[in-house]
Amino acid sequence: MPDGPAVALERGAGYLRVRLGRERNPLDNELVCRLLSVLDTAEADPGCVALVIQARGPVFCSGMPLRADAELPEGWADDAPPPPWRLFQRLTHAPVVTVAVVDGTSSGGGVGLAAACDLVVAGPAARFRLTELLLGLVPAMALPSIARRTGPQAARRLALTCAEVGRDEAVRIGLADFAADDLTPLLRRLLVNLRRLDPDVVGALKTYLRTAFPAPGGLASAARDVLVQRMRAPSVAERLRTLHQEGLLG
């Protein structure tokens, strides 16, 4: 699929749908900024109850862009929470229902993108895989969102084994909430149900959940620090150079 716009926005009755339109949909600063802007639009619309994130092609999101020189994208090593962390937090806490529709591959930070949403709908082609440890990295940005869904041990297993998880297994462990061979009627029913909700009560629920299940203090800084540390490891830099030379990244 040739590269198109990073996102395309569609309006429906009571919801906004954003379609990811680039090849492999890397979780780079462009995609993060566009999704944050879409969240601003959804939150400012009093009639919007849900935000749906869906990919046009066979890849939902391929995660963090990995360069041959092992340099992080701009802003990822700064003192402030890195851009993906801010996006994941916004998806989790926004006063609208965030819905990820995954019917293709999702890897690394792409799994975190889906897991950060309130609801995950998985199609027959859905595949989830944490690949970071194979590169000498740690999925620090994605793991908190994943563990919130699956529990710590299942998240640990996904990280350590780097195993691919299909649709049915994803539902079984809580990584996805709904599954269907035909996603159109399932998503239509879900959005009809969500339209019955008062937008204010969605925000109230998510504010309460943030209070009831707070994230540990300093987690954003810890995630940034381990990412920076691993990317600076000589073995990681060498591995990334080799994979780019072999055409397996990029």
C-alpha atoms as a PDB file:
ATOM      1  CA  MET A   1       0.000   0.000   0.000  1.00  0.00           C
ATOM      2  CA  PRO A   2       1.577   3.321  -0.997  1.00  0.00           C
ATOM      3  CA  ASP A   3       1.944   6.009   1.603  1.00  0.00           C
ATOM      4  CA  GLY A   4      -1.019   8.357   1.941  1.00  0.00           C
ATOM      5  CA  PRO A   5      -2.031  10.857   4.602  1.00  0.00           C
ATOM      6  CA  ALA A   6      -1.038   9.793   8.106  1.00  0.00           C
ATOM      7  CA  VAL A   7      -4.698   9.920   9.141  1.00  0.00           C
ATOM      8  CA  ALA A   8      -8.054  10.607   7.523  1.00  0.00           C
ATOM      9  CA  LEU A   9     -10.954  11.733   9.688  1.00  0.00           C
ATOM     10  CA  GLU A  10     -14.563  10.656   9.160  1.00  0.00           C
ATOM     11  CA  ARG A  11     -17.599  11.830  11.104  1.00  0.00           C
ATOM     12  CA  GLY A  12     -20.462   9.556  12.064  1.00  0.00           C
ATOM     13  CA  ALA A  13     -23.511   9.760  14.297  1.00  0.00           C
ATOM     14  CA  GLY A  14     -22.033  10.358  17.751  1.00  0.00           C
ATOM     15  CA  TYR A  15     -18.492   9.329  16.832  1.00  0.00           C
ATOM     16  CA  LEU A  16     -15.358  10.215  14.910  1.00  0.00           C
ATOM     17  CA  ARG A  17     -13.374   7.606  13.000  1.00  0.00           C
ATOM     18  CA  VAL A  18      -9.713   8.114  12.187  1.00  0.00           C
ATOM     19  CA  ARG A  19      -8.178   5.867   9.547  1.00  0.00           C
ATOM     20  CA  LEU A  20      -4.427   5.315   9.540  1.00  0.00           C
ATOM     21  CA  GLY A  21      -3.328   5.557   5.942  1.00  0.00           C
ATOM     22  CA  ARG A  22       0.429   5.052   5.602  1.00  0.00           C
ATOM     23  CA  GLU A  23       2.382   1.935   4.797  1.00  0.00           C
ATOM     24  CA  ARG A  24       3.131   0.120   8.077  1.00  0.00           C
ATOM     25  CA  ASN A  25       1.749   3.117  10.033  1.00  0.00           C
ATOM     26  CA  PRO A  26       4.882   3.736  12.122  1.00  0.00           C
ATOM     27  CA  LEU A  27       4.315   5.341  15.507  1.00  0.00           C
ATOM     28  CA  ASP A  28       6.420   8.372  14.642  1.00  0.00           C
ATOM     29  CA  ASN A  29       5.980  11.985  15.695  1.00  0.00           C
ATOM     30  CA  GLU A  30       3.753  12.741  12.709  1.00  0.00           C
ATOM     31  CA  LEU A  31       1.256  10.031  13.613  1.00  0.00           C
ATOM     32  CA  VAL A  32       1.378  10.879  17.321  1.00  0.00           C
ATOM     33  CA  CYS A  33       0.745  14.575  16.652  1.00  0.00           C
ATOM     34  CA  ARG A  34      -2.119  13.858  14.260  1.00  0.00           C
ATOM     35  CA  LEU A  35      -3.809  11.507  16.713  1.00  0.00           C
ATOM     36  CA  LEU A  36      -3.404  13.998  19.553  1.00  0.00           C
ATOM     37  CA  SER A  37      -5.029  16.625  17.328  1.00  0.00           C
ATOM     38  CA  VAL A  38      -7.905  14.256  16.561  1.00  0.00           C
ATOM     39  CA  LEU A  39      -8.375  13.685  20.282  1.00  0.00           C
ATOM     40  CA  ASP A  40      -8.602  17.467  20.742  1.00  0.00           C
ATOM     41  CA  THR A  41     -11.312  17.555  18.063  1.00  0.00           C
ATOM     42  CA  ALA A  42     -13.252  14.693  19.638  1.00  0.00           C
ATOM     43  CA  GLU A  43     -13.101  16.201  23.117  1.00  0.00           C
ATOM     44  CA  ALA A  44     -14.267  19.600  21.844  1.00  0.00           C
ATOM     45  CA  ASP A  45     -17.320  18.101  20.101  1.00  0.00           C
ATOM     46  CA  PRO A  46     -20.216  17.881  22.600  1.00  0.00           C
ATOM     47  CA  GLY A  47     -21.954  15.297  20.441  1.00  0.00           C
ATOM     48  CA  CYS A  48     -18.970  12.942  20.182  1.00  0.00           C
ATOM     49  CA  VAL A  49     -19.109   9.925  22.478  1.00  0.00           C
ATOM     50  CA  ALA A  50     -16.544   7.686  20.745  1.00  0.00           C
ATOM     51  CA  LEU A  51     -13.309   7.908  18.761  1.00  0.00           C
ATOM     52  CA  VAL A  52     -12.532   4.930  16.508  1.00  0.00           C
ATOM     53  CA  ILE A  53      -8.977   4.246  15.305  1.00  0.00           C
ATOM     54  CA  GLN A  54      -8.702   1.913  12.325  1.00  0.00           C
ATOM     55  CA  ALA A  55      -6.087   1.219   9.634  1.00  0.00           C
ATOM     56  CA  ARG A  56      -6.782   1.193   5.910  1.00  0.00           C
ATOM     57  CA  GLY A  57      -4.217  -1.472   5.065  1.00  0.00           C
ATOM     58  CA  PRO A  58      -2.877  -4.753   6.459  1.00  0.00           C
ATOM     59  CA  VAL A  59      -0.800  -3.127   9.236  1.00  0.00           C
ATOM     60  CA  PHE A  60      -2.559  -1.455  12.156  1.00  0.00           C
ATOM     61  CA  CYS A  61       0.657   0.042  13.547  1.00  0.00           C
ATOM     62  CA  SER A  62       4.273  -1.111  13.318  1.00  0.00           C
ATOM     63  CA  GLY A  63       5.436   0.742  16.422  1.00  0.00           C
ATOM     64  CA  MET A  64       8.410   3.006  16.985  1.00  0.00           C
ATOM     65  CA  PRO A  65      10.446   3.903  13.881  1.00  0.00           C
ATOM     66  CA  LEU A  66      13.874   2.317  14.233  1.00  0.00           C
ATOM     67  CA  ARG A  67      16.703   4.108  12.442  1.00  0.00           C
ATOM     68  CA  ALA A  68      19.959   2.590  11.304  1.00  0.00           C
ATOM     69  CA  ASP A  69      21.887   5.113  13.419  1.00  0.00           C
ATOM     70  CA  ALA A  70      19.849   4.156  16.535  1.00  0.00           C
ATOM     71  CA  GLU A  71      18.779   7.770  17.027  1.00  0.00           C
ATOM     72  CA  LEU A  72      15.435   8.345  18.732  1.00  0.00           C
ATOM     73  CA  PRO A  73      12.837  10.626  17.128  1.00  0.00           C
ATOM     74  CA  GLU A  74      12.914  14.243  18.223  1.00  0.00           C
ATOM     75  CA  GLY A  75      11.590  14.776  21.736  1.00  0.00           C
ATOM     76  CA  TRP A  76      11.654  11.138  22.828  1.00  0.00           C
ATOM     77  CA  ALA A  77      14.708  11.565  25.059  1.00  0.00           C
ATOM     78  CA  ASP A  78      13.620  14.872  26.620  1.00  0.00           C
ATOM     79  CA  ASP A  79      12.664  15.398  30.257  1.00  0.00           C
ATOM     80  CA  ALA A  80       8.967  15.660  29.396  1.00  0.00           C
ATOM     81  CA  PRO A  81       7.055  12.385  28.804  1.00  0.00           C
ATOM     82  CA  PRO A  82       7.898  11.156  25.284  1.00  0.00           C
ATOM     83  CA  PRO A  83       5.252  11.699  22.599  1.00  0.00           C
ATOM     84  CA  PRO A  84       3.999   8.074  22.512  1.00  0.00           C
ATOM     85  CA  TRP A  85       3.544   8.117  26.283  1.00  0.00           C
ATOM     86  CA  ARG A  86       1.465  11.293  26.046  1.00  0.00           C
ATOM     87  CA  LEU A  87      -0.670   9.734  23.317  1.00  0.00           C
ATOM     88  CA  PHE A  88      -1.277   6.520  25.257  1.00  0.00           C
ATOM     89  CA  GLN A  89      -2.270   8.502  28.338  1.00  0.00           C
ATOM     90  CA  ARG A  90      -4.644  10.690  26.357  1.00  0.00           C
ATOM     91  CA  LEU A  91      -6.325   7.654  24.798  1.00  0.00           C
ATOM     92  CA  THR A  92      -6.786   6.085  28.223  1.00  0.00           C
ATOM     93  CA  HIS A  93      -8.031   9.216  30.001  1.00  0.00           C
ATOM     94  CA  ALA A  94      -9.875  11.190  27.294  1.00  0.00           C
ATOM     95  CA  PRO A  95     -13.552  11.842  28.159  1.00  0.00           C
ATOM     96  CA  VAL A  96     -14.678   9.916  25.070  1.00  0.00           C
ATOM     97  CA  VAL A  97     -14.715   6.155  24.485  1.00  0.00           C
ATOM     98  CA  THR A  98     -11.591   5.289  22.479  1.00  0.00           C
ATOM     99  CA  VAL A  99     -11.938   2.211  20.275  1.00  0.00           C
ATOM    100  CA  ALA A 100      -9.122   0.462  18.387  1.00  0.00           C
ATOM    101  CA  VAL A 101     -10.204  -1.694  15.448  1.00  0.00           C
ATOM    102  CA  VAL A 102      -7.386  -4.098  14.629  1.00  0.00           C
ATOM    103  CA  ASP A 103      -7.657  -6.321  11.563  1.00  0.00           C
ATOM    104  CA  GLY A 104      -4.004  -6.669  10.656  1.00  0.00           C
ATOM    105  CA  THR A 105      -0.606  -6.790  12.283  1.00  0.00           C
ATOM    106  CA  SER A 106       0.329  -4.719  15.277  1.00  0.00           C
ATOM    107  CA  SER A 107       3.813  -4.816  16.720  1.00  0.00           C
ATOM    108  CA  GLY A 108       5.777  -3.135  19.491  1.00  0.00           C
ATOM    109  CA  GLY A 109       4.351   0.275  20.245  1.00  0.00           C
ATOM    110  CA  GLY A 110       1.463  -0.522  17.920  1.00  0.00           C
ATOM    111  CA  VAL A 111       0.266  -3.060  20.481  1.00  0.00           C
ATOM    112  CA  GLY A 112       0.543  -0.305  23.075  1.00  0.00           C
ATOM    113  CA  LEU A 113      -1.510   2.019  20.857  1.00  0.00           C
ATOM    114  CA  ALA A 114      -4.354  -0.491  20.709  1.00  0.00           C
ATOM    115  CA  ALA A 115      -4.081  -1.457  24.388  1.00  0.00           C
ATOM    116  CA  ALA A 116      -4.272   2.180  25.503  1.00  0.00           C
ATOM    117  CA  CYS A 117      -7.776   2.430  24.045  1.00  0.00           C
ATOM    118  CA  ASP A 118     -10.856   1.714  26.141  1.00  0.00           C
ATOM    119  CA  LEU A 119     -12.056  -1.018  23.799  1.00  0.00           C
ATOM    120  CA  VAL A 120     -10.243  -3.186  21.249  1.00  0.00           C
ATOM    121  CA  VAL A 121     -12.141  -4.883  18.424  1.00  0.00           C
ATOM    122  CA  ALA A 122     -10.187  -7.626  16.624  1.00  0.00           C
ATOM    123  CA  GLY A 123     -10.837  -8.970  13.143  1.00  0.00           C
ATOM    124  CA  PRO A 124      -9.744 -12.285  11.627  1.00  0.00           C
ATOM    125  CA  ALA A 125      -6.386 -10.893  10.473  1.00  0.00           C
ATOM    126  CA  ALA A 126      -5.519  -9.345  13.854  1.00  0.00           C
ATOM    127  CA  ARG A 127      -2.034 -10.197  15.092  1.00  0.00           C
ATOM    128  CA  PHE A 128      -0.265  -8.691  18.109  1.00  0.00           C
ATOM    129  CA  ARG A 129       3.447  -9.056  18.826  1.00  0.00           C
ATOM    130  CA  LEU A 130       5.998  -7.411  21.100  1.00  0.00           C
ATOM    131  CA  THR A 131       9.303  -7.654  19.232  1.00  0.00           C
ATOM    132  CA  GLU A 132      11.488  -5.310  21.277  1.00  0.00           C
ATOM    133  CA  LEU A 133      13.562  -7.892  23.154  1.00  0.00           C
ATOM    134  CA  LEU A 134      14.683  -9.406  19.845  1.00  0.00           C
ATOM    135  CA  LEU A 135      16.354  -6.051  19.160  1.00  0.00           C
ATOM    136  CA  GLY A 136      17.817  -5.669  22.623  1.00  0.00           C
ATOM    137  CA  LEU A 137      15.131  -3.146  23.570  1.00  0.00           C
ATOM    138  CA  VAL A 138      12.429  -3.053  26.256  1.00  0.00           C
ATOM    139  CA  PRO A 139       8.763  -2.280  25.384  1.00  0.00           C
ATOM    140  CA  ALA A 140       8.715   0.338  28.120  1.00  0.00           C
ATOM    141  CA  MET A 141       6.134   2.638  26.534  1.00  0.00           C
ATOM    142  CA  ALA A 142       3.656  -0.121  25.693  1.00  0.00           C
ATOM    143  CA  LEU A 143       3.866  -2.446  28.697  1.00  0.00           C
ATOM    144  CA  PRO A 144       1.876  -0.374  31.217  1.00  0.00           C
ATOM    145  CA  SER A 145      -1.125  -0.199  28.869  1.00  0.00           C
ATOM    146  CA  ILE A 146      -0.817  -3.889  28.012  1.00  0.00           C
ATOM    147  CA  ALA A 147      -0.442  -4.994  31.634  1.00  0.00           C
ATOM    148  CA  ARG A 148      -3.485  -2.906  32.591  1.00  0.00           C
ATOM    149  CA  ARG A 149      -5.454  -5.163  30.255  1.00  0.00           C
ATOM    150  CA  THR A 150      -3.791  -8.551  30.621  1.00  0.00           C
ATOM    151  CA  GLY A 151      -2.236  -8.455  34.081  1.00  0.00           C
ATOM    152  CA  PRO A 152       1.505  -8.312  34.766  1.00  0.00           C
ATOM    153  CA  GLN A 153       2.378 -11.960  34.126  1.00  0.00           C
ATOM    154  CA  ALA A 154       0.734 -12.187  30.718  1.00  0.00           C
ATOM    155  CA  ALA A 155       2.426  -8.915  29.744  1.00  0.00           C
ATOM    156  CA  ARG A 156       5.757 -10.340  30.937  1.00  0.00           C
ATOM    157  CA  ARG A 157       5.193 -13.473  28.850  1.00  0.00           C
ATOM    158  CA  LEU A 158       4.357 -11.467  25.733  1.00  0.00           C
ATOM    159  CA  ALA A 159       7.536  -9.420  26.147  1.00  0.00           C
ATOM    160  CA  LEU A 160       9.840 -12.348  26.906  1.00  0.00           C
ATOM    161  CA  THR A 161       8.608 -14.776  24.244  1.00  0.00           C
ATOM    162  CA  CYS A 162       8.067 -12.191  21.491  1.00  0.00           C
ATOM    163  CA  ALA A 163       5.314 -14.571  20.392  1.00  0.00           C
ATOM    164  CA  GLU A 164       2.603 -13.536  17.971  1.00  0.00           C
ATOM    165  CA  VAL A 165      -0.891 -13.514  19.446  1.00  0.00           C
ATOM    166  CA  GLY A 166      -3.889 -14.016  17.193  1.00  0.00           C
ATOM    167  CA  ARG A 167      -7.416 -12.731  17.567  1.00  0.00           C
ATOM    168  CA  ASP A 168      -8.840 -15.473  19.786  1.00  0.00           C
ATOM    169  CA  GLU A 169      -5.854 -15.547  22.134  1.00  0.00           C
ATOM    170  CA  ALA A 170      -5.948 -11.752  22.372  1.00  0.00           C
ATOM    171  CA  VAL A 171      -9.566 -11.884  23.555  1.00  0.00           C
ATOM    172  CA  ARG A 172      -8.809 -14.712  25.973  1.00  0.00           C
ATOM    173  CA  ILE A 173      -6.049 -12.777  27.760  1.00  0.00           C
ATOM    174  CA  GLY A 174      -7.844  -9.421  27.651  1.00  0.00           C
ATOM    175  CA  LEU A 175      -5.692  -7.759  25.014  1.00  0.00           C
ATOM    176  CA  ALA A 176      -8.833  -7.442  22.872  1.00  0.00           C
ATOM    177  CA  ASP A 177     -12.441  -7.126  23.997  1.00  0.00           C
ATOM    178  CA  PHE A 178     -14.467  -8.238  20.976  1.00  0.00           C
ATOM    179  CA  ALA A 179     -13.779 -10.413  17.935  1.00  0.00           C
ATOM    180  CA  ALA A 180     -15.679 -11.155  14.744  1.00  0.00           C
ATOM    181  CA  ASP A 181     -15.063 -12.395  11.220  1.00  0.00           C
ATOM    182  CA  ASP A 182     -17.069  -9.460   9.881  1.00  0.00           C
ATOM    183  CA  LEU A 183     -16.255  -6.339  11.849  1.00  0.00           C
ATOM    184  CA  THR A 184     -18.777  -4.028  10.191  1.00  0.00           C
ATOM    185  CA  PRO A 185     -21.954  -5.214  11.966  1.00  0.00           C
ATOM    186  CA  LEU A 186     -20.111  -5.678  15.269  1.00  0.00           C
ATOM    187  CA  LEU A 187     -18.720  -2.156  15.160  1.00  0.00           C
ATOM    188  CA  ARG A 188     -22.095  -0.750  14.104  1.00  0.00           C
ATOM    189  CA  ARG A 189     -23.823  -2.363  17.101  1.00  0.00           C
ATOM    190  CA  LEU A 190     -21.101  -1.177  19.445  1.00  0.00           C
ATOM    191  CA  LEU A 191     -21.359   2.413  18.249  1.00  0.00           C
ATOM    192  CA  VAL A 192     -25.172   2.344  18.504  1.00  0.00           C
ATOM    193  CA  ASN A 193     -24.822   1.229  22.119  1.00  0.00           C
ATOM    194  CA  LEU A 194     -22.226   3.880  22.884  1.00  0.00           C
ATOM    195  CA  ARG A 195     -24.430   6.612  21.404  1.00  0.00           C
ATOM    196  CA  ARG A 196     -26.875   5.966  24.233  1.00  0.00           C
ATOM    197  CA  LEU A 197     -24.334   7.220  26.756  1.00  0.00           C
ATOM    198  CA  ASP A 198     -24.156  10.781  28.009  1.00  0.00           C
ATOM    199  CA  PRO A 199     -20.685  12.125  27.069  1.00  0.00           C
ATOM    200  CA  ASP A 200     -20.403  13.646  30.544  1.00  0.00           C
ATOM    201  CA  VAL A 201     -20.791  10.283  32.254  1.00  0.00           C
ATOM    202  CA  VAL A 202     -18.045   8.768  30.082  1.00  0.00           C
ATOM    203  CA  GLY A 203     -15.668  11.453  31.314  1.00  0.00           C
ATOM    204  CA  ALA A 204     -16.825  10.948  34.899  1.00  0.00           C
ATOM    205  CA  LEU A 205     -16.188   7.202  34.700  1.00  0.00           C
ATOM    206  CA  LYS A 206     -12.714   7.616  33.248  1.00  0.00           C
ATOM    207  CA  THR A 207     -11.800  10.252  35.824  1.00  0.00           C
ATOM    208  CA  TYR A 208     -12.903   7.877  38.580  1.00  0.00           C
ATOM    209  CA  LEU A 209     -10.934   4.985  37.086  1.00  0.00           C
ATOM    210  CA  ARG A 210      -7.826   7.162  37.040  1.00  0.00           C
ATOM    211  CA  THR A 211      -8.321   7.828  40.751  1.00  0.00           C
ATOM    212  CA  ALA A 212      -9.195   4.237  41.618  1.00  0.00           C
ATOM    213  CA  PHE A 213      -6.276   2.712  39.700  1.00  0.00           C
ATOM    214  CA  PRO A 214      -3.513   5.340  39.620  1.00  0.00           C
ATOM    215  CA  ALA A 215      -0.300   4.728  37.713  1.00  0.00           C
ATOM    216  CA  PRO A 216       2.854   4.577  39.847  1.00  0.00           C
ATOM    217  CA  GLY A 217       4.613   7.919  40.202  1.00  0.00           C
ATOM    218  CA  GLY A 218       7.620   8.390  37.963  1.00  0.00           C
ATOM    219  CA  LEU A 219       6.578   5.688  35.493  1.00  0.00           C
ATOM    220  CA  ALA A 220       6.828   7.990  32.473  1.00  0.00           C
ATOM    221  CA  SER A 221      10.388   8.962  33.374  1.00  0.00           C
ATOM    222  CA  ALA A 222      11.333   5.334  34.006  1.00  0.00           C
ATOM    223  CA  ALA A 223       9.974   4.303  30.595  1.00  0.00           C
ATOM    224  CA  ARG A 224      11.895   7.100  28.878  1.00  0.00           C
ATOM    225  CA  ASP A 225      15.109   6.270  30.743  1.00  0.00           C
ATOM    226  CA  VAL A 226      15.108   2.577  29.876  1.00  0.00           C
ATOM    227  CA  LEU A 227      14.340   3.384  26.228  1.00  0.00           C
ATOM    228  CA  VAL A 228      17.216   5.857  26.013  1.00  0.00           C
ATOM    229  CA  GLN A 229      19.577   3.493  27.832  1.00  0.00           C
ATOM    230  CA  ARG A 230      18.870   0.556  25.551  1.00  0.00           C
ATOM    231  CA  MET A 231      19.027   2.599  22.342  1.00  0.00           C
ATOM    232  CA  ARG A 232      22.510   3.753  23.368  1.00  0.00           C
ATOM    233  CA  ALA A 233      23.743   0.184  23.900  1.00  0.00           C
ATOM    234  CA  PRO A 234      26.366  -0.712  21.254  1.00  0.00           C
ATOM    235  CA  SER A 235      24.768  -4.113  20.646  1.00  0.00           C
ATOM    236  CA  VAL A 236      21.429  -2.474  19.798  1.00  0.00           C
ATOM    237  CA  ALA A 237      23.028   0.003  17.406  1.00  0.00           C
ATOM    238  CA  GLU A 238      24.882  -2.790  15.640  1.00  0.00           C
ATOM    239  CA  ARG A 239      21.732  -4.894  15.362  1.00  0.00           C
ATOM    240  CA  LEU A 240      19.728  -2.010  13.889  1.00  0.00           C
ATOM    241  CA  ARG A 241      22.453  -1.277  11.329  1.00  0.00           C
ATOM    242  CA  THR A 242      22.504  -4.917  10.263  1.00  0.00           C
ATOM    243  CA  LEU A 243      18.719  -5.149   9.951  1.00  0.00           C
ATOM    244  CA  HIS A 244      18.606  -1.981   7.839  1.00  0.00           C
ATOM    245  CA  GLN A 245      21.394  -3.292   5.587  1.00  0.00           C
ATOM    246  CA  GLU A 246      19.419  -6.519   5.122  1.00  0.00           C
ATOM    247  CA  GLY A 247      16.269  -4.556   4.268  1.00  0.00           C
ATOM    248  CA  LEU A 248      14.351  -5.864   7.260  1.00  0.00           C
ATOM    249  CA  LEU A 249      13.709  -2.419   8.760  1.00  0.00           C
ATOM    250  CA  GLY A 250      12.822   0.910   7.248  1.00  0.00           C
END
